[in-house]
C-alpha atoms as a PDB file:
ATOM      1  CA  MET A   1       0.127  -0.069  -0.044  1.00  0.00           C
ATOM      2  CA  ASN A   2       1.169   3.531  -0.906  1.00  0.00           C
ATOM      3  CA  GLY A   3       0.572   6.608   1.209  1.00  0.00           C
ATOM      4  CA  LEU A   4       1.287  10.376   1.679  1.00  0.00           C
ATOM      5  CA  VAL A   5       3.507  11.576   4.538  1.00  0.00           C
ATOM      6  CA  MET A   6       1.567  14.360   6.372  1.00  0.00           C
ATOM      7  CA  LYS A   7       4.142  14.913   9.243  1.00  0.00           C
ATOM      8  CA  SER A   8       7.714  14.278  10.109  1.00  0.00           C
ATOM      9  CA  THR A   9       9.336  14.381  13.415  1.00  0.00           C
ATOM     10  CA  GLY A  10      12.748  12.912  12.638  1.00  0.00           C
ATOM     11  CA  SER A  11      12.109   9.375  13.712  1.00  0.00           C
ATOM     12  CA  TRP A  12       8.108   8.755  13.414  1.00  0.00           C
ATOM     13  CA  TYR A  13       6.273   9.827  10.317  1.00  0.00           C
ATOM     14  CA  ALA A  14       2.302  10.365  10.128  1.00  0.00           C
ATOM     15  CA  VAL A  15       1.215   8.791   7.233  1.00  0.00           C
ATOM     16  CA  ARG A  16      -2.174   9.096   5.292  1.00  0.00           C
ATOM     17  CA  GLY A  17      -2.657   5.650   3.200  1.00  0.00           C
ATOM     18  CA  ASP A  18      -4.386   5.437   0.042  1.00  0.00           C
ATOM     19  CA  ASP A  19      -7.088   3.278   2.201  1.00  0.00           C
ATOM     20  CA  GLY A  20      -7.838   6.833   4.044  1.00  0.00           C
ATOM     21  CA  ARG A  21      -6.550   5.709   7.281  1.00  0.00           C
ATOM     22  CA  HIS A  22      -3.783   7.448   9.221  1.00  0.00           C
ATOM     23  CA  TYR A  23      -0.738   5.428  10.431  1.00  0.00           C
ATOM     24  CA  GLN A  24       2.416   6.144  12.486  1.00  0.00           C
ATOM     25  CA  CYS A  25       5.321   4.707  10.785  1.00  0.00           C
ATOM     26  CA  ARG A  26       9.019   4.174  11.014  1.00  0.00           C
ATOM     27  CA  THR A  27      11.399   3.425   8.372  1.00  0.00           C
ATOM     28  CA  ARG A  28      12.724   0.353   7.849  1.00  0.00           C
ATOM     29  CA  GLY A  29      16.288   0.196   7.047  1.00  0.00           C
ATOM     30  CA  LYS A  30      18.084   3.475   6.058  1.00  0.00           C
ATOM     31  CA  LEU A  31      17.007   5.191   3.413  1.00  0.00           C
ATOM     32  CA  ARG A  32      18.613   7.748   1.219  1.00  0.00           C
ATOM     33  CA  LEU A  33      18.137   9.757  -2.041  1.00  0.00           C
ATOM     34  CA  GLU A  34      20.763   9.585  -4.485  1.00  0.00           C
ATOM     35  CA  SER A  35      23.476  12.333  -5.185  1.00  0.00           C
ATOM     36  CA  ILE A  36      22.018  14.505  -2.275  1.00  0.00           C
ATOM     37  CA  LYS A  37      23.164  14.570   1.373  1.00  0.00           C
ATOM     38  CA  GLU A  38      19.892  14.987   3.522  1.00  0.00           C
ATOM     39  CA  THR A  39      19.258  15.471   7.062  1.00  0.00           C
ATOM     40  CA  ASN A  40      15.782  14.205   6.585  1.00  0.00           C
ATOM     41  CA  PRO A  41      15.635  11.659   3.604  1.00  0.00           C
ATOM     42  CA  ILE A  42      11.644  11.496   4.136  1.00  0.00           C
ATOM     43  CA  ALA A  43       9.658  14.821   3.857  1.00  0.00           C
ATOM     44  CA  VAL A  44       6.325  15.756   4.303  1.00  0.00           C
ATOM     45  CA  GLY A  45       4.784  15.604   0.867  1.00  0.00           C
ATOM     46  CA  ASP A  46       6.800  12.162  -0.089  1.00  0.00           C
ATOM     47  CA  ARG A  47       4.419   9.286  -1.543  1.00  0.00           C
ATOM     48  CA  VAL A  48       6.080   6.390   0.234  1.00  0.00           C
ATOM     49  CA  GLU A  49       5.440   2.865   0.033  1.00  0.00           C
ATOM     50  CA  LEU A  50       4.173   1.161   3.233  1.00  0.00           C
ATOM     51  CA  ALA A  51       4.479  -2.380   4.515  1.00  0.00           C
ATOM     52  CA  ILE A  52       2.348  -3.560   7.488  1.00  0.00           C
ATOM     53  CA  ASP A  53       2.974  -6.666   9.728  1.00  0.00           C
ATOM     54  CA  SER A  54       2.834  -7.969  13.115  1.00  0.00           C
ATOM     55  CA  ALA A  55       5.452  -5.154  14.014  1.00  0.00           C
ATOM     56  CA  GLY A  56       3.319  -2.274  12.853  1.00  0.00           C
ATOM     57  CA  VAL A  57       3.752  -0.102  10.003  1.00  0.00           C
ATOM     58  CA  SER A  58       6.991   0.849   8.183  1.00  0.00           C
ATOM     59  CA  ILE A  59       7.941   3.009   5.333  1.00  0.00           C
ATOM     60  CA  GLU A  60       9.835   0.657   2.580  1.00  0.00           C
ATOM     61  CA  LYS A  61      10.479   2.962  -0.078  1.00  0.00           C
ATOM     62  CA  ILE A  62      10.127   6.531  -1.051  1.00  0.00           C
ATOM     63  CA  LEU A  63       8.174   7.054  -4.459  1.00  0.00           C
ATOM     64  CA  GLU A  64       9.838   9.318  -7.156  1.00  0.00           C
ATOM     65  CA  ARG A  65       9.402  13.001  -6.343  1.00  0.00           C
ATOM     66  CA  THR A  66       8.028  15.344  -8.928  1.00  0.00           C
ATOM     67  CA  ASN A  67      10.176  18.144  -6.900  1.00  0.00           C
ATOM     68  CA  HIS A  68      11.086  19.110  -3.545  1.00  0.00           C
ATOM     69  CA  MET A  69      12.652  22.217  -1.902  1.00  0.00           C
ATOM     70  CA  LEU A  70      16.111  22.540   0.128  1.00  0.00           C
ATOM     71  CA  ARG A  71      17.532  24.888   2.462  1.00  0.00           C
ATOM     72  CA  GLN A  72      20.963  24.488   4.086  1.00  0.00           C
ATOM     73  CA  SER A  73      21.021  22.725   7.117  1.00  0.00           C
ATOM     74  CA  VAL A  74      21.843  24.875  10.398  1.00  0.00           C
ATOM     75  CA  LYS A  75      23.026  21.744  12.313  1.00  0.00           C
ATOM     76  CA  LYS A  76      24.932  19.636   9.843  1.00  0.00           C
ATOM     77  CA  THR A  77      27.536  21.527   7.527  1.00  0.00           C
ATOM     78  CA  GLY A  78      27.373  20.077   4.084  1.00  0.00           C
ATOM     79  CA  HIS A  79      23.823  18.885   4.223  1.00  0.00           C
ATOM     80  CA  ALA A  80      20.564  20.037   3.220  1.00  0.00           C
ATOM     81  CA  GLN A  81      17.145  19.860   4.767  1.00  0.00           C
ATOM     82  CA  VAL A  82      14.215  18.986   2.777  1.00  0.00           C
ATOM     83  CA  LEU A  83      11.381  21.212   3.446  1.00  0.00           C
ATOM     84  CA  ALA A  84       8.847  19.480   1.487  1.00  0.00           C
ATOM     85  CA  ALA A  85       8.575  17.234  -1.576  1.00  0.00           C
ATOM     86  CA  ASN A  86       5.814  17.261  -4.210  1.00  0.00           C
ATOM     87  CA  ILE A  87       4.620  20.734  -3.635  1.00  0.00           C
ATOM     88  CA  ASP A  88       2.754  22.884  -6.299  1.00  0.00           C
ATOM     89  CA  GLN A  89       3.758  26.325  -5.102  1.00  0.00           C
ATOM     90  CA  ALA A  90       5.881  27.897  -1.896  1.00  0.00           C
ATOM     91  CA  LEU A  91       4.581  30.824   0.058  1.00  0.00           C
ATOM     92  CA  VAL A  92       6.636  33.089   2.286  1.00  0.00           C
ATOM     93  CA  VAL A  93       4.947  34.853   5.008  1.00  0.00           C
ATOM     94  CA  ALA A  94       6.878  37.908   5.642  1.00  0.00           C
ATOM     95  CA  THR A  95       6.099  41.094   7.827  1.00  0.00           C
ATOM     96  CA  HIS A  96       7.250  44.608   8.019  1.00  0.00           C
ATOM     97  CA  LYS A  97       7.740  44.850  11.812  1.00  0.00           C
ATOM     98  CA  GLN A  98       7.035  42.534  14.741  1.00  0.00           C
ATOM     99  CA  PRO A  99       9.453  40.934  13.657  1.00  0.00           C
ATOM    100  CA  ARG A 100      10.650  42.759  10.454  1.00  0.00           C
ATOM    101  CA  THR A 101      11.494  40.250   7.695  1.00  0.00           C
ATOM    102  CA  SER A 102      14.474  41.658   5.502  1.00  0.00           C
ATOM    103  CA  LEU A 103      14.110  41.679   1.897  1.00  0.00           C
ATOM    104  CA  GLY A 104      17.096  39.613   1.647  1.00  0.00           C
ATOM    105  CA  PHE A 105      15.328  36.455   3.239  1.00  0.00           C
ATOM    106  CA  ILE A 106      12.467  37.019   1.023  1.00  0.00           C
ATOM    107  CA  ASP A 107      14.554  37.119  -2.113  1.00  0.00           C
ATOM    108  CA  ARG A 108      16.394  34.020  -1.418  1.00  0.00           C
ATOM    109  CA  PHE A 109      13.141  32.033  -0.733  1.00  0.00           C
ATOM    110  CA  LEU A 110      12.111  33.210  -3.749  1.00  0.00           C
ATOM    111  CA  ALA A 111      15.303  32.180  -5.853  1.00  0.00           C
ATOM    112  CA  SER A 112      15.519  28.797  -4.127  1.00  0.00           C
ATOM    113  CA  ALA A 113      12.022  28.189  -5.188  1.00  0.00           C
ATOM    114  CA  GLU A 114      12.763  29.527  -8.745  1.00  0.00           C
ATOM    115  CA  SER A 115      15.811  27.150  -8.856  1.00  0.00           C
ATOM    116  CA  PHE A 116      13.156  24.298  -8.426  1.00  0.00           C
ATOM    117  CA  ARG A 117      10.733  25.667 -10.972  1.00  0.00           C
ATOM    118  CA  ILE A 118       8.194  26.010  -8.405  1.00  0.00           C
ATOM    119  CA  PRO A 119       5.881  29.025  -8.524  1.00  0.00           C
ATOM    120  CA  GLN A 120       5.834  31.513  -5.693  1.00  0.00           C
ATOM    121  CA  LEU A 121       3.553  33.370  -3.554  1.00  0.00           C
ATOM    122  CA  VAL A 122       4.389  36.385  -0.861  1.00  0.00           C
ATOM    123  CA  VAL A 123       1.783  37.265   1.934  1.00  0.00           C
ATOM    124  CA  ILE A 124       2.744  40.468   3.887  1.00  0.00           C
ATOM    125  CA  ASN A 125       1.072  40.102   7.389  1.00  0.00           C
ATOM    126  CA  LYS A 126       0.185  42.471  10.022  1.00  0.00           C
ATOM    127  CA  ARG A 127      -1.284  44.823   7.787  1.00  0.00           C
ATOM    128  CA  ASP A 128      -3.234  46.460  11.227  1.00  0.00           C
ATOM    129  CA  LEU A 129       0.174  47.103  12.879  1.00  0.00           C
ATOM    130  CA  LEU A 130       1.432  49.473  10.372  1.00  0.00           C
ATOM    131  CA  THR A 131       1.181  53.174  10.076  1.00  0.00           C
ATOM    132  CA  ASP A 132       0.570  55.105   6.565  1.00  0.00           C
ATOM    133  CA  ASP A 133       4.045  55.461   5.511  1.00  0.00           C
ATOM    134  CA  GLU A 134       4.804  51.696   6.507  1.00  0.00           C
ATOM    135  CA  ARG A 135       1.734  50.667   4.344  1.00  0.00           C
ATOM    136  CA  ALA A 136       3.088  52.432   1.615  1.00  0.00           C
ATOM    137  CA  ASP A 137       6.159  50.902   1.955  1.00  0.00           C
ATOM    138  CA  ALA A 138       4.459  47.479   1.943  1.00  0.00           C
ATOM    139  CA  GLU A 139       2.476  48.322  -1.122  1.00  0.00           C
ATOM    140  CA  GLY A 140       5.844  48.681  -2.645  1.00  0.00           C
ATOM    141  CA  TRP A 141       7.161  45.220  -1.641  1.00  0.00           C
ATOM    142  CA  ARG A 142       3.915  44.029  -3.476  1.00  0.00           C
ATOM    143  CA  THR A 143       4.371  46.120  -6.486  1.00  0.00           C
ATOM    144  CA  LEU A 144       7.925  44.799  -6.681  1.00  0.00           C
ATOM    145  CA  TYR A 145       7.262  41.120  -6.288  1.00  0.00           C
ATOM    146  CA  GLN A 146       3.865  41.358  -8.172  1.00  0.00           C
ATOM    147  CA  SER A 147       6.159  42.232 -11.261  1.00  0.00           C
ATOM    148  CA  LEU A 148       8.569  39.526 -10.810  1.00  0.00           C
ATOM    149  CA  GLY A 149       5.375  36.862 -11.028  1.00  0.00           C
ATOM    150  CA  ALA A 150       4.936  36.025  -7.557  1.00  0.00           C
ATOM    151  CA  GLN A 151       1.255  36.558  -6.447  1.00  0.00           C
ATOM    152  CA  THR A 152       1.418  38.994  -3.503  1.00  0.00           C
ATOM    153  CA  PHE A 153      -0.870  39.743  -0.751  1.00  0.00           C
ATOM    154  CA  ILE A 154      -1.039  42.383   2.126  1.00  0.00           C
ATOM    155  CA  ILE A 155      -3.280  41.161   4.858  1.00  0.00           C
ATOM    156  CA  SER A 156      -3.945  40.863   8.548  1.00  0.00           C
ATOM    157  CA  ALA A 157      -4.272  37.380   9.930  1.00  0.00           C
ATOM    158  CA  GLU A 158      -5.597  38.426  13.197  1.00  0.00           C
ATOM    159  CA  ALA A 159      -7.778  41.197  11.663  1.00  0.00           C
ATOM    160  CA  ASP A 160      -9.053  40.287   8.201  1.00  0.00           C
ATOM    161  CA  ARG A 161     -12.515  38.336   7.828  1.00  0.00           C
ATOM    162  CA  ASN A 162     -12.341  37.821   4.506  1.00  0.00           C
ATOM    163  CA  PHE A 163      -9.516  35.694   2.607  1.00  0.00           C
ATOM    164  CA  ASP A 164     -11.292  34.703  -0.292  1.00  0.00           C
ATOM    165  CA  GLN A 165      -8.568  35.993  -2.769  1.00  0.00           C
ATOM    166  CA  LEU A 166      -5.622  34.137  -1.026  1.00  0.00           C
ATOM    167  CA  LEU A 167      -8.024  30.606  -0.657  1.00  0.00           C
ATOM    168  CA  ALA A 168      -8.488  31.008  -4.239  1.00  0.00           C
ATOM    169  CA  ALA A 169      -4.524  31.106  -4.789  1.00  0.00           C
ATOM    170  CA  LEU A 170      -4.327  27.971  -2.699  1.00  0.00           C
ATOM    171  CA  GLN A 171      -7.135  26.175  -4.218  1.00  0.00           C
ATOM    172  CA  ASN A 172      -6.480  22.448  -5.329  1.00  0.00           C
ATOM    173  CA  LYS A 173      -2.838  22.839  -4.760  1.00  0.00           C
ATOM    174  CA  VAL A 174      -0.297  21.791  -2.118  1.00  0.00           C
ATOM    175  CA  THR A 175       1.554  24.778  -0.675  1.00  0.00           C
ATOM    176  CA  LEU A 176       4.658  24.878   1.225  1.00  0.00           C
ATOM    177  CA  MET A 177       4.557  27.731   3.772  1.00  0.00           C
ATOM    178  CA  ALA A 178       7.682  29.229   5.299  1.00  0.00           C
ATOM    179  CA  GLY A 179       8.740  32.564   7.352  1.00  0.00           C
ATOM    180  CA  HIS A 180      10.492  33.594  10.369  1.00  0.00           C
ATOM    181  CA  SER A 181       8.969  32.876  13.912  1.00  0.00           C
ATOM    182  CA  GLY A 182       6.489  35.240  14.787  1.00  0.00           C
ATOM    183  CA  ALA A 183       5.509  36.006  11.274  1.00  0.00           C
ATOM    184  CA  GLY A 184       2.128  34.676  11.825  1.00  0.00           C
ATOM    185  CA  LYS A 185       2.124  31.556   9.906  1.00  0.00           C
ATOM    186  CA  SER A 186       0.202  29.617  12.425  1.00  0.00           C
ATOM    187  CA  THR A 187      -2.199  32.213  12.815  1.00  0.00           C
ATOM    188  CA  LEU A 188      -2.848  32.441   9.229  1.00  0.00           C
ATOM    189  CA  LEU A 189      -3.202  28.738   8.937  1.00  0.00           C
ATOM    190  CA  ASN A 190      -5.779  28.764  11.872  1.00  0.00           C
ATOM    191  CA  ARG A 191      -7.893  31.432  10.044  1.00  0.00           C
ATOM    192  CA  LEU A 192      -7.878  29.637   6.752  1.00  0.00           C
ATOM    193  CA  ALA A 193      -8.798  26.411   8.478  1.00  0.00           C
ATOM    194  CA  PRO A 194     -10.129  26.729  12.073  1.00  0.00           C
ATOM    195  CA  HIS A 195     -10.107  22.952  12.353  1.00  0.00           C
ATOM    196  CA  VAL A 196      -6.388  23.059  12.206  1.00  0.00           C
ATOM    197  CA  LYS A 197      -5.635  24.642  15.596  1.00  0.00           C
ATOM    198  CA  GLN A 198      -1.996  25.334  15.378  1.00  0.00           C
ATOM    199  CA  ALA A 199      -0.213  26.767  18.551  1.00  0.00           C
ATOM    200  CA  VAL A 200       0.514  30.537  18.439  1.00  0.00           C
ATOM    201  CA  GLY A 201       3.222  32.220  20.045  1.00  0.00           C
ATOM    202  CA  GLU A 202       3.931  35.774  21.255  1.00  0.00           C
ATOM    203  CA  ILE A 203       6.514  38.074  20.017  1.00  0.00           C
ATOM    204  CA  SER A 204       9.196  39.149  22.748  1.00  0.00           C
ATOM    205  CA  ASP A 205       9.089  42.660  23.834  1.00  0.00           C
ATOM    206  CA  PHE A 206      12.608  42.590  24.507  1.00  0.00           C
ATOM    207  CA  SER A 207      13.892  41.142  21.022  1.00  0.00           C
ATOM    208  CA  ASN A 208      10.846  41.747  18.948  1.00  0.00           C
ATOM    209  CA  LYS A 209      11.481  38.193  17.592  1.00  0.00           C
ATOM    210  CA  GLY A 210       8.926  35.199  17.845  1.00  0.00           C
ATOM    211  CA  THR A 211       8.986  32.002  19.459  1.00  0.00           C
ATOM    212  CA  HIS A 212       8.925  28.817  17.639  1.00  0.00           C
ATOM    213  CA  THR A 213       5.496  27.113  17.845  1.00  0.00           C
ATOM    214  CA  THR A 214       5.899  24.982  14.943  1.00  0.00           C
ATOM    215  CA  THR A 215       8.477  22.499  15.633  1.00  0.00           C
ATOM    216  CA  PHE A 216       8.249  20.043  12.716  1.00  0.00           C
ATOM    217  CA  ALA A 217       6.957  20.328   9.335  1.00  0.00           C
ATOM    218  CA  GLU A 218       3.140  19.048   8.818  1.00  0.00           C
ATOM    219  CA  MET A 219       0.833  19.244   5.969  1.00  0.00           C
ATOM    220  CA  PHE A 220      -2.866  19.990   6.820  1.00  0.00           C
ATOM    221  CA  GLU A 221      -6.010  19.664   4.277  1.00  0.00           C
ATOM    222  CA  ILE A 222      -7.590  23.019   4.561  1.00  0.00           C
ATOM    223  CA  GLN A 223     -10.221  22.318   1.990  1.00  0.00           C
ATOM    224  CA  PRO A 224     -10.940  19.406   0.071  1.00  0.00           C
ATOM    225  CA  ALA A 225      -7.864  18.664  -2.213  1.00  0.00           C
ATOM    226  CA  THR A 226      -6.090  21.777  -0.794  1.00  0.00           C
ATOM    227  CA  PHE A 227      -3.071  21.440   1.239  1.00  0.00           C
ATOM    228  CA  VAL A 228      -0.641  23.603   3.209  1.00  0.00           C
ATOM    229  CA  ILE A 229       2.543  22.656   4.804  1.00  0.00           C
ATOM    230  CA  ASP A 230       3.459  24.560   7.716  1.00  0.00           C
ATOM    231  CA  THR A 231       7.272  24.589   8.601  1.00  0.00           C
ATOM    232  CA  PRO A 232       8.927  25.712  11.647  1.00  0.00           C
ATOM    233  CA  GLY A 233      10.126  29.498  11.821  1.00  0.00           C
ATOM    234  CA  VAL A 234      13.659  29.989  10.355  1.00  0.00           C
ATOM    235  CA  LYS A 235      16.316  32.733  10.917  1.00  0.00           C
ATOM    236  CA  GLU A 236      18.127  32.284   7.943  1.00  0.00           C
ATOM    237  CA  TRP A 237      17.838  30.936   4.447  1.00  0.00           C
ATOM    238  CA  GLY A 238      20.770  28.966   3.378  1.00  0.00           C
ATOM    239  CA  LEU A 239      21.297  28.339   0.062  1.00  0.00           C
ATOM    240  CA  VAL A 240      21.819  24.617  -1.527  1.00  0.00           C
ATOM    241  CA  GLU A 241      23.788  23.534  -4.655  1.00  0.00           C
ATOM    242  CA  MET A 242      23.753  26.950  -6.122  1.00  0.00           C
ATOM    243  CA  GLU A 243      27.062  28.241  -7.756  1.00  0.00           C
ATOM    244  CA  PRO A 244      27.577  32.016  -7.904  1.00  0.00           C
ATOM    245  CA  GLN A 245      27.694  31.964 -11.619  1.00  0.00           C
ATOM    246  CA  GLU A 246      24.067  30.551 -11.709  1.00  0.00           C
ATOM    247  CA  ILE A 247      22.419  32.800  -9.157  1.00  0.00           C
ATOM    248  CA  SER A 248      21.293  35.301 -11.806  1.00  0.00           C
ATOM    249  CA  ASP A 249      19.277  32.487 -13.396  1.00  0.00           C
ATOM    250  CA  TYR A 250      16.929  32.382 -10.354  1.00  0.00           C
ATOM    251  CA  PHE A 251      16.412  36.199 -10.722  1.00  0.00           C
ATOM    252  CA  ARG A 252      13.769  36.676 -13.132  1.00  0.00           C
ATOM    253  CA  GLU A 253      14.623  40.114 -14.081  1.00  0.00           C
ATOM    254  CA  MET A 254      18.185  39.265 -14.744  1.00  0.00           C
ATOM    255  CA  ARG A 255      17.824  35.725 -16.154  1.00  0.00           C
ATOM    256  CA  ASP A 256      17.735  37.210 -19.884  1.00  0.00           C
ATOM    257  CA  LEU A 257      20.052  40.108 -19.416  1.00  0.00           C
ATOM    258  CA  ARG A 258      23.045  38.025 -18.402  1.00  0.00           C
ATOM    259  CA  LEU A 259      22.821  36.727 -22.277  1.00  0.00           C
ATOM    260  CA  HIS A 260      23.981  40.364 -23.375  1.00  0.00           C
ATOM    261  CA  CYS A 261      26.893  40.511 -20.788  1.00  0.00           C
ATOM    262  CA  ARG A 262      30.275  40.376 -22.320  1.00  0.00           C
ATOM    263  CA  PHE A 263      31.490  37.364 -20.556  1.00  0.00           C
ATOM    264  CA  GLY A 264      27.928  35.784 -20.977  1.00  0.00           C
ATOM    265  CA  SER A 265      27.309  32.788 -18.303  1.00  0.00           C
ATOM    266  CA  ARG A 266      30.546  33.735 -16.643  1.00  0.00           C
ATOM    267  CA  CYS A 267      29.674  37.108 -15.527  1.00  0.00           C
ATOM    268  CA  LEU A 268      29.063  37.557 -12.133  1.00  0.00           C
ATOM    269  CA  HIS A 269      27.472  40.817 -12.400  1.00  0.00           C
ATOM    270  CA  VAL A 270      29.964  42.576  -9.704  1.00  0.00           C
ATOM    271  CA  ASN A 271      32.457  44.424 -11.577  1.00  0.00           C
ATOM    272  CA  GLU A 272      32.960  43.120 -14.978  1.00  0.00           C
ATOM    273  CA  PRO A 273      33.041  45.501 -17.718  1.00  0.00           C
ATOM    274  CA  THR A 274      30.128  45.610 -20.177  1.00  0.00           C
ATOM    275  CA  CYS A 275      27.526  43.933 -17.790  1.00  0.00           C
ATOM    276  CA  ALA A 276      24.092  44.025 -18.976  1.00  0.00           C
ATOM    277  CA  VAL A 277      22.776  43.367 -15.344  1.00  0.00           C
ATOM    278  CA  ARG A 278      24.690  46.019 -13.775  1.00  0.00           C
ATOM    279  CA  ASP A 279      23.437  48.844 -16.327  1.00  0.00           C
ATOM    280  CA  ALA A 280      20.229  47.764 -15.841  1.00  0.00           C
ATOM    281  CA  VAL A 281      20.511  48.350 -11.943  1.00  0.00           C
ATOM    282  CA  GLU A 282      21.951  51.867 -12.939  1.00  0.00           C
ATOM    283  CA  LYS A 283      18.932  52.700 -14.999  1.00  0.00           C
ATOM    284  CA  LYS A 284      16.435  51.554 -12.229  1.00  0.00           C
ATOM    285  CA  HIS A 285      15.056  48.742 -14.349  1.00  0.00           C
ATOM    286  CA  ILE A 286      16.162  46.296 -11.653  1.00  0.00           C
ATOM    287  CA  ALA A 287      15.300  47.202  -8.127  1.00  0.00           C
ATOM    288  CA  PRO A 288      18.341  48.179  -5.904  1.00  0.00           C
ATOM    289  CA  THR A 289      17.156  45.994  -3.010  1.00  0.00           C
ATOM    290  CA  ARG A 290      17.194  43.033  -5.508  1.00  0.00           C
ATOM    291  CA  TYR A 291      20.418  43.515  -6.458  1.00  0.00           C
ATOM    292  CA  LYS A 292      21.910  43.996  -2.791  1.00  0.00           C
ATOM    293  CA  SER A 293      20.090  40.643  -2.259  1.00  0.00           C
ATOM    294  CA  TYR A 294      21.893  39.239  -5.365  1.00  0.00           C
ATOM    295  CA  LEU A 295      25.339  40.484  -4.153  1.00  0.00           C
ATOM    296  CA  SER A 296      24.850  38.938  -0.856  1.00  0.00           C
ATOM    297  CA  MET A 297      23.832  35.741  -2.281  1.00  0.00           C
ATOM    298  CA  VAL A 298      26.890  35.456  -4.473  1.00  0.00           C
ATOM    299  CA  GLY A 299      29.373  36.734  -1.527  1.00  0.00           C
ATOM    300  CA  GLY A 300      28.145  33.857   0.702  1.00  0.00           C
ATOM    301  CA  GLU A 301      26.509  36.316   3.277  1.00  0.00           C
ATOM    302  CA  ASP A 302      23.695  35.248   5.395  1.00  0.00           C
ATOM    303  CA  ASN A 303      20.311  37.169   5.539  1.00  0.00           C
ATOM    304  CA  ARG A 304      19.506  37.621   9.091  1.00  0.00           C
ATOM    305  CA  LYS A 305      19.758  41.245   9.262  1.00  0.00           C
END
């Protein structure tokens, strides 16, 4: 029998079998995927083959994935963490304040999803906390990311009563949801699907940062055939298997321009002469914030500030 992994705790997996029943499973033997060093060989969203015997239910095999999304493991150098597998789109929940999400974090998330050819959504939460100037700033974020092909919403998970537009964007899809702790992922999920009842944390008055309330990735069916994968809050989005020369491929506004650089695919768009990307930045055809994010990724910097 086959099934769908709904939750991963590291040693136990909650799997919804094709028979409609839910099973608590462990792996039989040591499962690894080819060519990738992963801290979690089985991810939420994986389709797996189950074996049932007198000892219980075990996962025998991971079925072929249509895709997956990775980030660098924060615990094991040189390894990747699979956030989810077999997803239709990736959604980042961002906040202008309490806590503030850096544009660098958003850009890394979008570039990572783009590298796996996964469509992206941006949800800017906590609109109710913003001043008029801050709302205008958030509108600028929306204009920027909409222009790059990411569906973008400005909402208040706490105060809004109507989420029809966002629900329509999620309909009949499997969506990975990520963001900083305290950005409101769990609150939003509870508002979209009250039956979920995810724990919600508080923002520290001292650090203005959120506390971890989601400790393991878990998939929820918020409507028939509509799934959202909630993930633990992350401080930093580390890139995986992305060479400096290819990073501009994952910035939509740079991808075609790079073909016109003097050094072509070898151009890093940093200080090379006759660079079409740098020329576009100077002419304001590429947002300065995006170029700054690009340089930080090429330079191997983190994105926590």
